[in-house]
C-alpha atoms as a PDB file:
ATOM      1  CA  MET A   1      99.469 117.793 158.126  1.00  0.00           C
ATOM      2  CA  GLY A   2      96.828 119.716 160.079  1.00  0.00           C
ATOM      3  CA  THR A   3      93.264 118.603 160.497  1.00  0.00           C
ATOM      4  CA  ASP A   4      91.060 119.507 157.542  1.00  0.00           C
ATOM      5  CA  THR A   5      88.119 121.813 158.193  1.00  0.00           C
ATOM      6  CA  SER A   6      84.803 122.175 156.448  1.00  0.00           C
ATOM      7  CA  PRO A   7      83.788 125.529 154.911  1.00  0.00           C
ATOM      8  CA  ALA A   8      81.854 126.228 158.140  1.00  0.00           C
ATOM      9  CA  GLY A   9      84.983 125.667 160.206  1.00  0.00           C
ATOM     10  CA  ALA A  10      83.981 122.343 161.813  1.00  0.00           C
ATOM     11  CA  PRO A  11      86.711 119.694 161.836  1.00  0.00           C
ATOM     12  CA  VAL A  12      86.169 116.798 159.433  1.00  0.00           C
ATOM     13  CA  ARG A  13      87.999 113.524 159.118  1.00  0.00           C
ATOM     14  CA  PRO A  14      90.304 113.520 156.043  1.00  0.00           C
ATOM     15  CA  ARG A  15      88.875 111.134 153.485  1.00  0.00           C
ATOM     16  CA  ARG A  16      91.131 108.949 151.394  1.00  0.00           C
ATOM     17  CA  PRO A  17      89.984 108.972 147.757  1.00  0.00           C
ATOM     18  CA  VAL A  18      88.642 105.660 146.537  1.00  0.00           C
ATOM     19  CA  PRO A  19      90.390 104.633 143.297  1.00  0.00           C
ATOM     20  CA  ASP A  20      88.048 104.311 140.339  1.00  0.00           C
ATOM     21  CA  PRO A  21      89.124 101.238 138.354  1.00  0.00           C
ATOM     22  CA  GLU A  22      87.739 102.648 135.091  1.00  0.00           C
ATOM     23  CA  VAL A  23      89.533 105.976 135.540  1.00  0.00           C
ATOM     24  CA  ALA A  24      92.742 104.174 136.482  1.00  0.00           C
ATOM     25  CA  ALA A  25      92.471 101.932 133.432  1.00  0.00           C
ATOM     26  CA  LEU A  26      91.838 104.944 131.196  1.00  0.00           C
ATOM     27  CA  GLY A  27      94.903 106.651 132.652  1.00  0.00           C
ATOM     28  CA  LEU A  28      97.060 103.623 131.974  1.00  0.00           C
ATOM     29  CA  ARG A  29      95.768 103.381 128.408  1.00  0.00           C
ATOM     30  CA  GLU A  30      96.566 107.027 127.786  1.00  0.00           C
ATOM     31  CA  VAL A  31     100.069 106.573 129.197  1.00  0.00           C
ATOM     32  CA  LYS A  32     100.581 103.530 126.988  1.00  0.00           C
ATOM     33  CA  LYS A  33      99.348 105.413 123.915  1.00  0.00           C
ATOM     34  CA  ARG A  34     101.713 108.322 124.591  1.00  0.00           C
ATOM     35  CA  GLU A  35     104.615 105.923 125.103  1.00  0.00           C
ATOM     36  CA  THR A  36     103.848 104.098 121.857  1.00  0.00           C
ATOM     37  CA  ARG A  37     103.541 107.350 119.947  1.00  0.00           C
ATOM     38  CA  GLN A  38     106.844 108.596 121.316  1.00  0.00           C
ATOM     39  CA  LEU A  39     108.536 105.272 120.553  1.00  0.00           C
ATOM     40  CA  ILE A  40     107.396 105.414 116.927  1.00  0.00           C
ATOM     41  CA  SER A  41     108.416 109.062 116.619  1.00  0.00           C
ATOM     42  CA  ASP A  42     111.880 108.418 118.064  1.00  0.00           C
ATOM     43  CA  HIS A  43     112.601 105.518 115.714  1.00  0.00           C
ATOM     44  CA  ALA A  44     111.260 107.466 112.734  1.00  0.00           C
ATOM     45  CA  THR A  45     113.494 110.453 113.495  1.00  0.00           C
ATOM     46  CA  ARG A  46     116.542 108.212 113.842  1.00  0.00           C
ATOM     47  CA  LEU A  47     115.855 106.468 110.535  1.00  0.00           C
ATOM     48  CA  PHE A  48     115.101 109.716 108.710  1.00  0.00           C
ATOM     49  CA  VAL A  49     118.431 111.158 109.844  1.00  0.00           C
ATOM     50  CA  GLU A  50     120.351 107.983 108.993  1.00  0.00           C
ATOM     51  CA  GLN A  51     118.683 107.096 105.685  1.00  0.00           C
ATOM     52  CA  GLY A  52     116.957 110.281 104.561  1.00  0.00           C
ATOM     53  CA  PHE A  53     113.250 111.001 104.674  1.00  0.00           C
ATOM     54  CA  GLU A  54     112.516 109.969 101.113  1.00  0.00           C
ATOM     55  CA  ASP A  55     114.308 106.622 101.445  1.00  0.00           C
ATOM     56  CA  THR A  56     112.701 105.590 104.737  1.00  0.00           C
ATOM     57  CA  THR A  57     109.436 103.684 104.498  1.00  0.00           C
ATOM     58  CA  ILE A  58     106.604 103.228 106.971  1.00  0.00           C
ATOM     59  CA  THR A  59     107.523  99.532 107.019  1.00  0.00           C
ATOM     60  CA  ASP A  60     111.071 100.439 108.080  1.00  0.00           C
ATOM     61  CA  ILE A  61     109.696 102.488 110.953  1.00  0.00           C
ATOM     62  CA  ALA A  62     107.219  99.819 112.049  1.00  0.00           C
ATOM     63  CA  THR A  63     109.961  97.194 112.038  1.00  0.00           C
ATOM     64  CA  ALA A  64     112.315  99.356 114.081  1.00  0.00           C
ATOM     65  CA  ALA A  65     109.593 100.205 116.612  1.00  0.00           C
ATOM     66  CA  ARG A  66     108.352  96.583 116.680  1.00  0.00           C
ATOM     67  CA  VAL A  67     104.776  97.554 115.953  1.00  0.00           C
ATOM     68  CA  ALA A  68     102.400  96.861 113.097  1.00  0.00           C
ATOM     69  CA  LYS A  69     102.509  99.126 110.061  1.00  0.00           C
ATOM     70  CA  LYS A  70      98.865 100.032 110.741  1.00  0.00           C
ATOM     71  CA  THR A  71      99.833 101.136 114.259  1.00  0.00           C
ATOM     72  CA  VAL A  72     102.244 103.650 112.766  1.00  0.00           C
ATOM     73  CA  THR A  73      99.621 105.065 110.408  1.00  0.00           C
ATOM     74  CA  ASN A  74      97.019 105.168 113.180  1.00  0.00           C
ATOM     75  CA  TYR A  75      99.238 107.512 115.170  1.00  0.00           C
ATOM     76  CA  PHE A  76     100.684 109.338 112.165  1.00  0.00           C
ATOM     77  CA  PRO A  77      98.341 109.257 109.134  1.00  0.00           C
ATOM     78  CA  ARG A  78     100.887 111.058 106.945  1.00  0.00           C
ATOM     79  CA  LYS A  79     104.564 110.260 106.763  1.00  0.00           C
ATOM     80  CA  GLU A  80     105.434 113.963 107.045  1.00  0.00           C
ATOM     81  CA  GLU A  81     103.842 114.032 110.499  1.00  0.00           C
ATOM     82  CA  LEU A  82     106.486 111.592 111.701  1.00  0.00           C
ATOM     83  CA  ALA A  83     109.223 114.080 110.863  1.00  0.00           C
ATOM     84  CA  LEU A  84     107.443 117.348 111.627  1.00  0.00           C
ATOM     85  CA  ASP A  85     105.467 116.182 114.637  1.00  0.00           C
ATOM     86  CA  HIS A  86     104.799 119.613 116.198  1.00  0.00           C
ATOM     87  CA  GLN A  87     102.767 120.853 113.263  1.00  0.00           C
ATOM     88  CA  GLU A  88      99.691 122.023 115.129  1.00  0.00           C
ATOM     89  CA  GLU A  89     101.755 123.859 117.732  1.00  0.00           C
ATOM     90  CA  PHE A  90     103.774 125.499 114.965  1.00  0.00           C
ATOM     91  CA  VAL A  91     100.656 126.618 113.092  1.00  0.00           C
ATOM     92  CA  ALA A  92      98.697 127.812 116.128  1.00  0.00           C
ATOM     93  CA  GLY A  93     101.470 129.521 118.111  1.00  0.00           C
ATOM     94  CA  PRO A  94     101.377 133.129 116.799  1.00  0.00           C
ATOM     95  CA  ALA A  95      97.572 133.168 116.648  1.00  0.00           C
ATOM     96  CA  ARG A  96      97.396 131.993 120.250  1.00  0.00           C
ATOM     97  CA  THR A  97      99.889 134.680 121.270  1.00  0.00           C
ATOM     98  CA  VAL A  98      97.688 137.360 119.728  1.00  0.00           C
ATOM     99  CA  ARG A  99      94.573 136.022 121.445  1.00  0.00           C
ATOM    100  CA  GLU A 100      96.356 135.874 124.816  1.00  0.00           C
ATOM    101  CA  ARG A 101      98.114 139.259 124.605  1.00  0.00           C
ATOM    102  CA  ALA A 102      98.008 141.378 127.727  1.00  0.00           C
ATOM    103  CA  SER A 103      95.858 144.443 128.257  1.00  0.00           C
ATOM    104  CA  GLY A 104      97.529 147.426 126.578  1.00  0.00           C
ATOM    105  CA  GLU A 105      99.737 145.138 124.462  1.00  0.00           C
ATOM    106  CA  SER A 106      99.685 145.271 120.675  1.00  0.00           C
ATOM    107  CA  ALA A 107      99.796 142.208 118.461  1.00  0.00           C
ATOM    108  CA  LEU A 108     103.333 143.146 117.381  1.00  0.00           C
ATOM    109  CA  ALA A 109     104.560 143.544 120.964  1.00  0.00           C
ATOM    110  CA  ALA A 110     103.041 140.215 121.998  1.00  0.00           C
ATOM    111  CA  LEU A 111     104.524 138.354 119.034  1.00  0.00           C
ATOM    112  CA  ARG A 112     107.921 139.940 119.584  1.00  0.00           C
ATOM    113  CA  ARG A 113     107.875 138.991 123.266  1.00  0.00           C
ATOM    114  CA  ALA A 114     106.834 135.402 122.511  1.00  0.00           C
ATOM    115  CA  PHE A 115     109.419 134.925 119.768  1.00  0.00           C
ATOM    116  CA  LEU A 116     112.298 136.263 121.844  1.00  0.00           C
ATOM    117  CA  ALA A 117     111.236 133.957 124.692  1.00  0.00           C
ATOM    118  CA  ALA A 118     111.290 131.013 122.274  1.00  0.00           C
ATOM    119  CA  VAL A 119     114.779 132.012 121.135  1.00  0.00           C
ATOM    120  CA  ALA A 120     115.979 132.230 124.740  1.00  0.00           C
ATOM    121  CA  ASP A 121     114.543 128.749 125.345  1.00  0.00           C
ATOM    122  CA  GLU A 122     116.081 127.427 122.093  1.00  0.00           C
ATOM    123  CA  ASP A 123     112.644 126.072 121.285  1.00  0.00           C
ATOM    124  CA  PRO A 124     112.595 123.370 118.546  1.00  0.00           C
ATOM    125  CA  VAL A 125     109.238 124.694 117.311  1.00  0.00           C
ATOM    126  CA  ALA A 126     110.930 128.034 116.601  1.00  0.00           C
ATOM    127  CA  GLY A 127     113.541 126.200 114.516  1.00  0.00           C
ATOM    128  CA  PHE A 128     116.208 125.023 116.986  1.00  0.00           C
ATOM    129  CA  ALA A 129     116.208 121.442 115.736  1.00  0.00           C
ATOM    130  CA  GLY A 130     119.937 120.698 115.504  1.00  0.00           C
ATOM    131  CA  HIS A 131     122.171 120.194 112.483  1.00  0.00           C
ATOM    132  CA  GLU A 132     121.313 116.599 111.568  1.00  0.00           C
ATOM    133  CA  PHE A 133     117.574 117.106 111.683  1.00  0.00           C
ATOM    134  CA  SER A 134     117.713 120.438 109.856  1.00  0.00           C
ATOM    135  CA  ARG A 135     119.883 118.897 107.143  1.00  0.00           C
ATOM    136  CA  MET A 136     117.427 116.027 106.782  1.00  0.00           C
ATOM    137  CA  VAL A 137     114.558 118.481 106.275  1.00  0.00           C
ATOM    138  CA  ALA A 138     116.539 120.648 103.854  1.00  0.00           C
ATOM    139  CA  ASP A 139     117.522 117.611 101.768  1.00  0.00           C
ATOM    140  CA  SER A 140     113.931 116.390 101.441  1.00  0.00           C
ATOM    141  CA  PRO A 141     111.772 118.006  98.736  1.00  0.00           C
ATOM    142  CA  THR A 142     108.699 116.561 100.448  1.00  0.00           C
ATOM    143  CA  LEU A 143     109.495 118.035 103.863  1.00  0.00           C
ATOM    144  CA  SER A 144     110.592 121.361 102.385  1.00  0.00           C
ATOM    145  CA  ALA A 145     107.236 121.637 100.622  1.00  0.00           C
ATOM    146  CA  CYS A 146     105.416 120.578 103.777  1.00  0.00           C
ATOM    147  CA  LEU A 147     107.226 123.252 105.767  1.00  0.00           C
ATOM    148  CA  ARG A 148     106.221 125.941 103.278  1.00  0.00           C
ATOM    149  CA  GLY A 149     102.634 124.790 103.642  1.00  0.00           C
ATOM    150  CA  LEU A 150     102.893 125.006 107.425  1.00  0.00           C
ATOM    151  CA  HIS A 151     104.119 128.599 107.169  1.00  0.00           C
ATOM    152  CA  ASP A 152     101.113 129.384 104.962  1.00  0.00           C
ATOM    153  CA  ARG A 153      98.724 127.742 107.437  1.00  0.00           C
ATOM    154  CA  ARG A 154     100.320 129.650 110.303  1.00  0.00           C
ATOM    155  CA  GLU A 155      99.830 132.962 108.517  1.00  0.00           C
ATOM    156  CA  GLN A 156      96.191 132.061 107.815  1.00  0.00           C
ATOM    157  CA  ALA A 157      95.623 131.238 111.501  1.00  0.00           C
ATOM    158  CA  LEU A 158      97.248 134.552 112.433  1.00  0.00           C
ATOM    159  CA  LEU A 159      94.966 136.332 109.965  1.00  0.00           C
ATOM    160  CA  THR A 160      91.916 134.884 111.705  1.00  0.00           C
ATOM    161  CA  ALA A 161      93.208 135.917 115.133  1.00  0.00           C
ATOM    162  CA  LEU A 162      93.948 139.466 113.967  1.00  0.00           C
ATOM    163  CA  SER A 163      90.525 139.718 112.359  1.00  0.00           C
ATOM    164  CA  GLU A 164      88.933 138.809 115.674  1.00  0.00           C
ATOM    165  CA  ALA A 165      91.208 141.172 117.578  1.00  0.00           C
ATOM    166  CA  VAL A 166      90.346 144.278 115.572  1.00  0.00           C
ATOM    167  CA  GLY A 167      86.754 143.382 114.704  1.00  0.00           C
ATOM    168  CA  GLU A 168      87.287 143.577 110.957  1.00  0.00           C
ATOM    169  CA  PRO A 169      86.605 140.905 108.344  1.00  0.00           C
ATOM    170  CA  ALA A 170      89.513 138.688 107.361  1.00  0.00           C
ATOM    171  CA  GLU A 171      89.056 139.939 103.772  1.00  0.00           C
ATOM    172  CA  SER A 172      90.035 143.465 104.866  1.00  0.00           C
ATOM    173  CA  VAL A 173      93.199 144.606 103.127  1.00  0.00           C
ATOM    174  CA  THR A 174      94.467 146.049 106.416  1.00  0.00           C
ATOM    175  CA  VAL A 175      94.086 142.774 108.288  1.00  0.00           C
ATOM    176  CA  ARG A 176      95.554 140.787 105.416  1.00  0.00           C
ATOM    177  CA  THR A 177      98.540 143.112 105.176  1.00  0.00           C
ATOM    178  CA  ALA A 178      99.175 142.952 108.925  1.00  0.00           C
ATOM    179  CA  ALA A 179      98.987 139.153 108.891  1.00  0.00           C
ATOM    180  CA  SER A 180     101.340 138.991 105.921  1.00  0.00           C
ATOM    181  CA  LEU A 181     103.910 141.249 107.577  1.00  0.00           C
ATOM    182  CA  LEU A 182     103.762 139.525 110.961  1.00  0.00           C
ATOM    183  CA  GLY A 183     103.708 136.072 109.415  1.00  0.00           C
ATOM    184  CA  GLY A 184     106.525 137.073 107.089  1.00  0.00           C
ATOM    185  CA  VAL A 185     108.866 138.126 109.872  1.00  0.00           C
ATOM    186  CA  HIS A 186     108.317 134.765 111.575  1.00  0.00           C
ATOM    187  CA  ARG A 187     109.060 132.965 108.314  1.00  0.00           C
ATOM    188  CA  VAL A 188     112.265 134.959 107.754  1.00  0.00           C
ATOM    189  CA  LEU A 189     113.499 134.368 111.305  1.00  0.00           C
ATOM    190  CA  PHE A 190     112.733 130.650 111.137  1.00  0.00           C
ATOM    191  CA  GLN A 191     114.712 130.415 107.903  1.00  0.00           C
ATOM    192  CA  ARG A 192     117.550 132.364 109.498  1.00  0.00           C
ATOM    193  CA  ILE A 193     117.774 129.813 112.293  1.00  0.00           C
ATOM    194  CA  GLN A 194     117.917 127.052 109.687  1.00  0.00           C
ATOM    195  CA  GLU A 195     120.672 128.821 107.772  1.00  0.00           C
ATOM    196  CA  LEU A 196     122.841 129.258 110.851  1.00  0.00           C
ATOM    197  CA  THR A 197     122.202 125.676 111.934  1.00  0.00           C
ATOM    198  CA  LEU A 198     123.251 124.297 108.549  1.00  0.00           C
ATOM    199  CA  ALA A 199     126.313 126.565 108.644  1.00  0.00           C
ATOM    200  CA  GLY A 200     127.474 124.641 111.712  1.00  0.00           C
ATOM    201  CA  GLN A 201     126.573 126.981 114.561  1.00  0.00           C
ATOM    202  CA  ASP A 202     125.261 125.449 117.756  1.00  0.00           C
ATOM    203  CA  ASN A 203     121.979 126.477 119.356  1.00  0.00           C
ATOM    204  CA  ARG A 204     123.605 128.769 121.898  1.00  0.00           C
ATOM    205  CA  GLU A 205     125.435 130.741 119.217  1.00  0.00           C
ATOM    206  CA  ILE A 206     122.293 130.942 117.107  1.00  0.00           C
ATOM    207  CA  ALA A 207     120.217 132.151 120.050  1.00  0.00           C
ATOM    208  CA  ARG A 208     122.658 134.990 120.696  1.00  0.00           C
ATOM    209  CA  THR A 209     122.545 136.034 117.037  1.00  0.00           C
ATOM    210  CA  LEU A 210     118.772 135.732 116.745  1.00  0.00           C
ATOM    211  CA  ALA A 211     118.151 137.760 119.882  1.00  0.00           C
ATOM    212  CA  ARG A 212     119.793 140.711 118.131  1.00  0.00           C
ATOM    213  CA  GLU A 213     118.465 140.082 114.635  1.00  0.00           C
ATOM    214  CA  ALA A 214     114.890 139.356 115.720  1.00  0.00           C
ATOM    215  CA  ALA A 215     114.774 142.591 117.702  1.00  0.00           C
ATOM    216  CA  ARG A 216     115.832 144.515 114.591  1.00  0.00           C
ATOM    217  CA  ALA A 217     113.331 142.649 112.414  1.00  0.00           C
ATOM    218  CA  PHE A 218     110.415 143.427 114.712  1.00  0.00           C
ATOM    219  CA  ASP A 219     111.622 147.026 115.056  1.00  0.00           C
ATOM    220  CA  LEU A 220     111.159 147.451 111.300  1.00  0.00           C
ATOM    221  CA  LEU A 221     107.431 146.770 111.718  1.00  0.00           C
ATOM    222  CA  ALA A 222     106.945 149.113 114.665  1.00  0.00           C
ATOM    223  CA  PRO A 223     106.217 152.308 112.657  1.00  0.00           C
ATOM    224  CA  SER A 224     103.264 150.672 110.895  1.00  0.00           C
ATOM    225  CA  LEU A 225     102.067 148.050 113.385  1.00  0.00           C
ATOM    226  CA  GLY A 226     103.227 149.306 116.778  1.00  0.00           C
ATOM    227  CA  ASP A 227      99.720 150.455 117.696  1.00  0.00           C
ATOM    228  CA  TYR A 228      97.809 147.785 115.763  1.00  0.00           C
ATOM    229  CA  ALA A 229      95.427 145.454 117.598  1.00  0.00           C
ATOM    230  CA  VAL A 230      96.197 146.857 121.043  1.00  0.00           C
ATOM    231  CA  ARG A 231      94.137 144.972 123.609  1.00  0.00           C
ATOM    232  CA  PRO A 232      91.921 147.269 125.717  1.00  0.00           C
END
């Protein structure tokens, strides 16, 4: 390593950072919390797949993870969050894509680009969850209802983002229609991934199929939304 220099160009002696015990302790606590959360989530997923979501209790999960029942509910207040533990990412994803679209890019183009990238990555949030997990969700009335609610919340978040993007109120019929169409295509494609997964296809096969089908689905919206919410 070369000698460090000050902004004025004068050599300075490299200083070794002094560890802050409080910061170090906070870091260790955060690591421990993440590890505990992941441990609980892993055991919950295993039990849900083996026993079914409806038949697995919080007590079962706490026993398997060797933690108190209250510890489980502290990390996951609702049982559904143990199974569908990427809820906020799922809900916020399309809205974030719209807000972060490039200059000259429409909302449709940004969402298409982001979805096809998720398909190429076989992203679990996009629906690539594997056969056992997808079957567990499909067999659970509670999780199926929760998933429908998440799709509704995602469309509402997208509505807000589109409203901001075009400077029109969220009550505008144009904004509401655009959000419904763009949210709808995401819902259809997510369901398509689930269908192919439950039919026995592996993620690689599904990704190849969805790359073609998603392109066609987004193409259908191009005549009406191709120039909508283009970022200056």
